[in-house]
Amino acid sequence: MAPVRIRLTGIRAAGHHGANPGEQDQPQEFEVDLEVVVDPGGDHLDDTTDYRELKAAVLQAIAEESHQLLETIARSVVAAVTRDARVLEARAVVHKPRAAGSLGVADVSVEATSE
């Protein structure tokens, strides 16, 4: 069988991130769109990665670490999900709604990949 892509979009997470004074004092909302490539060997859950585990890895990366740059957060999410040996590739887009609002734009996001 050929590898397949799994997408989880709109994962909401809170974390202490930011470069501006005070941004890391209170948790901020982030939203993550995740895409991973896996090569399931069969039709059982053990043949692939569990969606719940992917979401948990994203939430943990956002909540337990603290970074100034959105770029570093995105890389951290990719690193977290690729710890699962079944994940062959990963792509994470991390959105920061508060930054978008303060800039008066629809979205601010950064994409990182494992490639």
N, C-alpha and C. Protein backbone atom coordinates (compact mmCIF):
# COMPACT_ATOMS: atom_id res chain seq x y z
N MET A 1 0.83 -1.18 0.00
CA MET A 1 0.00 0.00 0.00
C MET A 1 0.88 1.25 0.00
N ALA A 2 0.35 2.31 -0.55
CA ALA A 2 1.07 3.58 -0.61
C ALA A 2 0.82 4.39 0.66
N PRO A 3 1.77 5.26 1.01
CA PRO A 3 1.56 6.14 2.17
C PRO A 3 0.30 7.01 1.99
N VAL A 4 -0.26 7.43 3.11
CA VAL A 4 -1.45 8.27 3.11
C VAL A 4 -1.21 9.49 4.00
N ARG A 5 -2.01 10.53 3.77
CA ARG A 5 -1.93 11.76 4.57
C ARG A 5 -3.12 11.82 5.52
N ILE A 6 -2.81 12.14 6.75
CA ILE A 6 -3.83 12.36 7.77
C ILE A 6 -3.81 13.84 8.09
N ARG A 7 -4.98 14.47 8.11
CA ARG A 7 -5.07 15.90 8.43
C ARG A 7 -5.98 16.11 9.63
N LEU A 8 -5.49 16.89 10.58
CA LEU A 8 -6.30 17.35 11.71
C LEU A 8 -6.23 18.88 11.65
N THR A 9 -7.36 19.50 11.45
CA THR A 9 -7.36 20.96 11.34
C THR A 9 -8.12 21.59 12.50
N GLY A 10 -7.64 22.77 12.88
CA GLY A 10 -8.33 23.51 13.93
C GLY A 10 -8.10 23.01 15.33
N ILE A 11 -6.93 22.43 15.60
CA ILE A 11 -6.62 21.99 16.96
C ILE A 11 -6.38 23.24 17.80
N ARG A 12 -7.21 23.46 18.79
CA ARG A 12 -7.08 24.64 19.66
C ARG A 12 -6.24 24.28 20.87
N ALA A 13 -5.25 25.15 21.13
CA ALA A 13 -4.34 24.92 22.25
C ALA A 13 -3.98 26.25 22.89
N ALA A 14 -3.60 26.20 24.14
CA ALA A 14 -3.19 27.41 24.85
C ALA A 14 -1.77 27.24 25.35
N GLY A 15 -1.00 28.33 25.25
CA GLY A 15 0.38 28.27 25.69
C GLY A 15 0.95 29.64 26.01
N HIS A 16 2.06 29.63 26.70
CA HIS A 16 2.76 30.85 27.11
C HIS A 16 3.86 31.17 26.11
N HIS A 17 3.50 31.82 25.03
CA HIS A 17 4.44 32.14 23.97
C HIS A 17 4.32 33.61 23.59
N GLY A 18 5.40 34.14 23.04
CA GLY A 18 5.34 35.51 22.52
C GLY A 18 6.63 36.26 22.75
N ALA A 19 6.89 37.24 21.92
CA ALA A 19 8.11 38.04 21.99
C ALA A 19 7.88 39.39 22.66
N ASN A 20 6.65 39.85 22.69
CA ASN A 20 6.35 41.16 23.27
C ASN A 20 6.25 41.06 24.79
N PRO A 21 6.55 42.15 25.50
CA PRO A 21 6.47 42.14 26.96
C PRO A 21 5.08 41.70 27.45
N GLY A 22 5.08 40.77 28.38
CA GLY A 22 3.84 40.30 28.98
C GLY A 22 3.14 39.19 28.23
N GLU A 23 3.54 38.91 27.00
CA GLU A 23 2.83 37.88 26.22
C GLU A 23 2.93 36.49 26.84
N GLN A 24 4.04 36.20 27.50
CA GLN A 24 4.23 34.87 28.07
C GLN A 24 3.65 34.75 29.49
N ASP A 25 3.14 35.86 30.01
CA ASP A 25 2.60 35.83 31.38
C ASP A 25 1.28 35.07 31.49
N GLN A 26 0.43 35.23 30.50
CA GLN A 26 -0.88 34.57 30.49
C GLN A 26 -0.95 33.66 29.26
N PRO A 27 -1.65 32.53 29.36
CA PRO A 27 -1.77 31.67 28.18
C PRO A 27 -2.53 32.37 27.06
N GLN A 28 -2.08 32.12 25.85
CA GLN A 28 -2.73 32.63 24.64
C GLN A 28 -3.28 31.46 23.84
N GLU A 29 -4.29 31.76 23.04
CA GLU A 29 -4.86 30.76 22.15
C GLU A 29 -4.01 30.62 20.88
N PHE A 30 -3.82 29.39 20.46
CA PHE A 30 -3.19 29.07 19.20
C PHE A 30 -4.07 28.04 18.51
N GLU A 31 -3.99 28.00 17.21
CA GLU A 31 -4.73 26.98 16.46
C GLU A 31 -3.75 26.31 15.51
N VAL A 32 -3.81 24.99 15.46
CA VAL A 32 -2.85 24.23 14.67
C VAL A 32 -3.58 23.37 13.64
N ASP A 33 -3.09 23.44 12.42
CA ASP A 33 -3.50 22.53 11.36
C ASP A 33 -2.34 21.57 11.15
N LEU A 34 -2.61 20.29 11.29
CA LEU A 34 -1.57 19.28 11.23
C LEU A 34 -1.82 18.32 10.08
N GLU A 35 -0.75 17.96 9.39
CA GLU A 35 -0.82 16.95 8.35
C GLU A 35 0.37 16.02 8.54
N VAL A 36 0.09 14.73 8.59
CA VAL A 36 1.16 13.74 8.70
C VAL A 36 1.01 12.69 7.61
N VAL A 37 2.14 12.11 7.23
CA VAL A 37 2.15 11.02 6.26
C VAL A 37 2.51 9.75 7.01
N VAL A 38 1.69 8.73 6.82
CA VAL A 38 1.92 7.42 7.42
C VAL A 38 1.78 6.36 6.34
N ASP A 39 2.30 5.17 6.62
CA ASP A 39 2.19 4.06 5.68
C ASP A 39 1.57 2.87 6.41
N PRO A 40 0.23 2.87 6.54
CA PRO A 40 -0.41 1.79 7.29
C PRO A 40 -0.20 0.44 6.60
N GLY A 41 0.13 -0.54 7.42
CA GLY A 41 0.38 -1.86 6.86
C GLY A 41 -0.86 -2.73 6.79
N GLY A 42 -1.97 -2.25 7.29
CA GLY A 42 -3.18 -3.05 7.31
C GLY A 42 -4.37 -2.18 7.65
N ASP A 43 -5.41 -2.81 8.15
CA ASP A 43 -6.66 -2.11 8.43
C ASP A 43 -6.99 -2.13 9.92
N HIS A 44 -5.95 -2.03 10.76
CA HIS A 44 -6.15 -1.98 12.20
C HIS A 44 -5.53 -0.71 12.75
N LEU A 45 -6.03 -0.25 13.88
CA LEU A 45 -5.52 0.98 14.49
C LEU A 45 -4.01 0.89 14.76
N ASP A 46 -3.54 -0.29 15.12
CA ASP A 46 -2.11 -0.46 15.39
C ASP A 46 -1.26 -0.32 14.13
N ASP A 47 -1.88 -0.32 12.96
CA ASP A 47 -1.15 -0.21 11.70
C ASP A 47 -0.86 1.24 11.31
N THR A 48 -1.39 2.16 12.06
CA THR A 48 -1.23 3.58 11.75
C THR A 48 -1.01 4.35 13.04
N THR A 49 -1.07 5.65 12.99
CA THR A 49 -0.98 6.46 14.20
C THR A 49 -2.38 6.87 14.64
N ASP A 50 -2.57 6.96 15.91
CA ASP A 50 -3.87 7.28 16.48
C ASP A 50 -4.09 8.80 16.44
N TYR A 51 -5.21 9.25 15.91
CA TYR A 51 -5.51 10.68 15.82
C TYR A 51 -5.46 11.34 17.19
N ARG A 52 -5.92 10.63 18.20
CA ARG A 52 -5.92 11.19 19.56
C ARG A 52 -4.50 11.44 20.05
N GLU A 53 -3.58 10.55 19.69
CA GLU A 53 -2.18 10.73 20.08
C GLU A 53 -1.55 11.92 19.34
N LEU A 54 -1.92 12.11 18.09
CA LEU A 54 -1.42 13.27 17.35
C LEU A 54 -1.89 14.56 18.01
N LYS A 55 -3.17 14.62 18.32
CA LYS A 55 -3.72 15.81 18.96
C LYS A 55 -3.05 16.05 20.31
N ALA A 56 -2.87 15.00 21.08
CA ALA A 56 -2.24 15.13 22.40
C ALA A 56 -0.81 15.64 22.27
N ALA A 57 -0.08 15.20 21.26
CA ALA A 57 1.30 15.67 21.06
C ALA A 57 1.32 17.16 20.73
N VAL A 58 0.35 17.61 19.93
CA VAL A 58 0.25 19.03 19.60
C VAL A 58 -0.06 19.85 20.86
N LEU A 59 -1.07 19.42 21.61
CA LEU A 59 -1.45 20.14 22.82
C LEU A 59 -0.29 20.22 23.81
N GLN A 60 0.43 19.14 23.96
CA GLN A 60 1.56 19.10 24.88
C GLN A 60 2.67 20.04 24.42
N ALA A 61 2.98 20.04 23.14
CA ALA A 61 4.03 20.93 22.63
C ALA A 61 3.68 22.39 22.85
N ILE A 62 2.42 22.75 22.66
CA ILE A 62 2.00 24.14 22.84
C ILE A 62 1.97 24.51 24.32
N ALA A 63 1.48 23.62 25.16
CA ALA A 63 1.27 23.94 26.57
C ALA A 63 2.53 23.86 27.42
N GLU A 64 3.42 22.94 27.13
CA GLU A 64 4.54 22.68 28.04
C GLU A 64 5.82 23.43 27.70
N GLU A 65 5.90 24.02 26.54
CA GLU A 65 7.09 24.76 26.15
C GLU A 65 6.74 26.24 26.08
N SER A 66 7.78 27.08 26.03
CA SER A 66 7.56 28.51 25.91
C SER A 66 8.57 29.08 24.92
N HIS A 67 8.07 29.72 23.88
CA HIS A 67 8.93 30.25 22.83
C HIS A 67 8.54 31.69 22.50
N GLN A 68 9.47 32.43 21.99
CA GLN A 68 9.19 33.79 21.55
C GLN A 68 8.58 33.79 20.16
N LEU A 69 9.11 32.95 19.26
CA LEU A 69 8.72 33.00 17.86
C LEU A 69 7.68 31.95 17.49
N LEU A 70 6.73 32.35 16.69
CA LEU A 70 5.74 31.43 16.13
C LEU A 70 6.44 30.36 15.30
N GLU A 71 7.53 30.73 14.65
CA GLU A 71 8.32 29.80 13.85
C GLU A 71 8.84 28.65 14.71
N THR A 72 9.30 28.97 15.92
CA THR A 72 9.82 27.94 16.81
C THR A 72 8.69 27.05 17.33
N ILE A 73 7.54 27.63 17.58
CA ILE A 73 6.39 26.84 18.02
C ILE A 73 6.03 25.82 16.94
N ALA A 74 5.98 26.25 15.69
CA ALA A 74 5.63 25.34 14.59
C ALA A 74 6.65 24.20 14.49
N ARG A 75 7.92 24.53 14.61
CA ARG A 75 8.96 23.48 14.57
C ARG A 75 8.81 22.52 15.75
N SER A 76 8.46 23.05 16.91
CA SER A 76 8.27 22.23 18.09
C SER A 76 7.12 21.24 17.91
N VAL A 77 6.05 21.69 17.29
CA VAL A 77 4.90 20.81 17.01
C VAL A 77 5.32 19.69 16.07
N VAL A 78 6.04 20.03 15.02
CA VAL A 78 6.51 19.01 14.07
C VAL A 78 7.40 17.99 14.78
N ALA A 79 8.31 18.48 15.61
CA ALA A 79 9.20 17.57 16.34
C ALA A 79 8.40 16.65 17.26
N ALA A 80 7.38 17.17 17.90
CA ALA A 80 6.56 16.36 18.81
C ALA A 80 5.84 15.24 18.08
N VAL A 81 5.24 15.52 16.94
CA VAL A 81 4.47 14.48 16.26
C VAL A 81 5.37 13.49 15.53
N THR A 82 6.56 13.90 15.14
CA THR A 82 7.46 12.96 14.44
C THR A 82 8.21 12.05 15.41
N ARG A 83 8.01 12.24 16.70
CA ARG A 83 8.57 11.27 17.66
C ARG A 83 7.89 9.92 17.52
N ASP A 84 6.68 9.93 16.97
CA ASP A 84 5.96 8.68 16.66
C ASP A 84 6.62 8.08 15.41
N ALA A 85 7.23 6.93 15.56
CA ALA A 85 7.97 6.31 14.46
C ALA A 85 7.09 6.01 13.24
N ARG A 86 5.79 5.93 13.44
CA ARG A 86 4.89 5.65 12.31
C ARG A 86 4.68 6.88 11.43
N VAL A 87 5.03 8.07 11.93
CA VAL A 87 4.87 9.31 11.17
C VAL A 87 6.11 9.48 10.29
N LEU A 88 5.91 9.42 8.98
CA LEU A 88 7.01 9.53 8.03
C LEU A 88 7.36 10.98 7.73
N GLU A 89 6.36 11.84 7.67
CA GLU A 89 6.53 13.26 7.41
C GLU A 89 5.47 14.01 8.21
N ALA A 90 5.76 15.26 8.51
CA ALA A 90 4.77 16.08 9.20
C ALA A 90 4.84 17.52 8.71
N ARG A 91 3.69 18.17 8.76
CA ARG A 91 3.57 19.59 8.41
C ARG A 91 2.61 20.20 9.42
N ALA A 92 3.03 21.31 10.03
CA ALA A 92 2.17 21.99 11.00
C ALA A 92 2.07 23.46 10.62
N VAL A 93 0.85 23.96 10.63
CA VAL A 93 0.60 25.39 10.45
C VAL A 93 0.04 25.88 11.78
N VAL A 94 0.76 26.80 12.41
CA VAL A 94 0.35 27.33 13.71
C VAL A 94 -0.17 28.75 13.50
N HIS A 95 -1.41 28.96 13.90
CA HIS A 95 -2.08 30.26 13.77
C HIS A 95 -2.09 30.94 15.14
N LYS A 96 -1.91 32.27 15.14
CA LYS A 96 -1.95 33.04 16.38
C LYS A 96 -3.04 34.10 16.24
N PRO A 97 -4.26 33.77 16.67
CA PRO A 97 -5.39 34.68 16.50
C PRO A 97 -5.19 36.05 17.14
N ARG A 98 -4.55 36.11 18.30
CA ARG A 98 -4.35 37.41 18.96
C ARG A 98 -3.47 38.32 18.10
N ALA A 99 -2.45 37.78 17.47
CA ALA A 99 -1.58 38.58 16.60
C ALA A 99 -2.36 39.09 15.39
N ALA A 100 -3.21 38.23 14.84
CA ALA A 100 -4.01 38.65 13.68
C ALA A 100 -4.91 39.81 14.07
N GLY A 101 -5.55 39.70 15.23
CA GLY A 101 -6.45 40.76 15.69
C GLY A 101 -5.73 42.06 15.92
N SER A 102 -4.54 42.00 16.51
CA SER A 102 -3.81 43.23 16.81
C SER A 102 -3.26 43.89 15.54
N LEU A 103 -3.05 43.09 14.50
CA LEU A 103 -2.57 43.64 13.23
C LEU A 103 -3.71 44.05 12.31
N GLY A 104 -4.93 43.64 12.63
CA GLY A 104 -6.07 43.94 11.77
C GLY A 104 -6.06 43.13 10.48
N VAL A 105 -5.55 41.88 10.58
CA VAL A 105 -5.53 40.99 9.42
C VAL A 105 -6.34 39.73 9.75
N ALA A 106 -6.66 38.97 8.74
CA ALA A 106 -7.49 37.78 8.94
C ALA A 106 -6.74 36.65 9.64
N ASP A 107 -5.43 36.54 9.43
CA ASP A 107 -4.70 35.42 10.00
C ASP A 107 -3.21 35.73 10.05
N VAL A 108 -2.56 35.23 11.07
CA VAL A 108 -1.10 35.19 11.16
C VAL A 108 -0.75 33.75 11.45
N SER A 109 0.07 33.14 10.60
CA SER A 109 0.42 31.74 10.81
C SER A 109 1.81 31.48 10.26
N VAL A 110 2.39 30.38 10.75
CA VAL A 110 3.69 29.92 10.29
C VAL A 110 3.59 28.43 10.03
N GLU A 111 4.22 27.98 8.97
CA GLU A 111 4.23 26.56 8.60
C GLU A 111 5.62 26.00 8.76
N ALA A 112 5.70 24.80 9.34
CA ALA A 112 6.96 24.08 9.46
C ALA A 112 6.72 22.65 8.96
N THR A 113 7.75 22.07 8.39
CA THR A 113 7.68 20.70 7.91
C THR A 113 8.87 19.91 8.42
N SER A 114 8.73 18.60 8.37
CA SER A 114 9.80 17.73 8.81
C SER A 114 10.81 17.44 7.71
N GLU A 115 10.53 17.93 6.54
CA GLU A 115 11.41 17.62 5.40
C GLU A 115 12.67 18.43 5.42
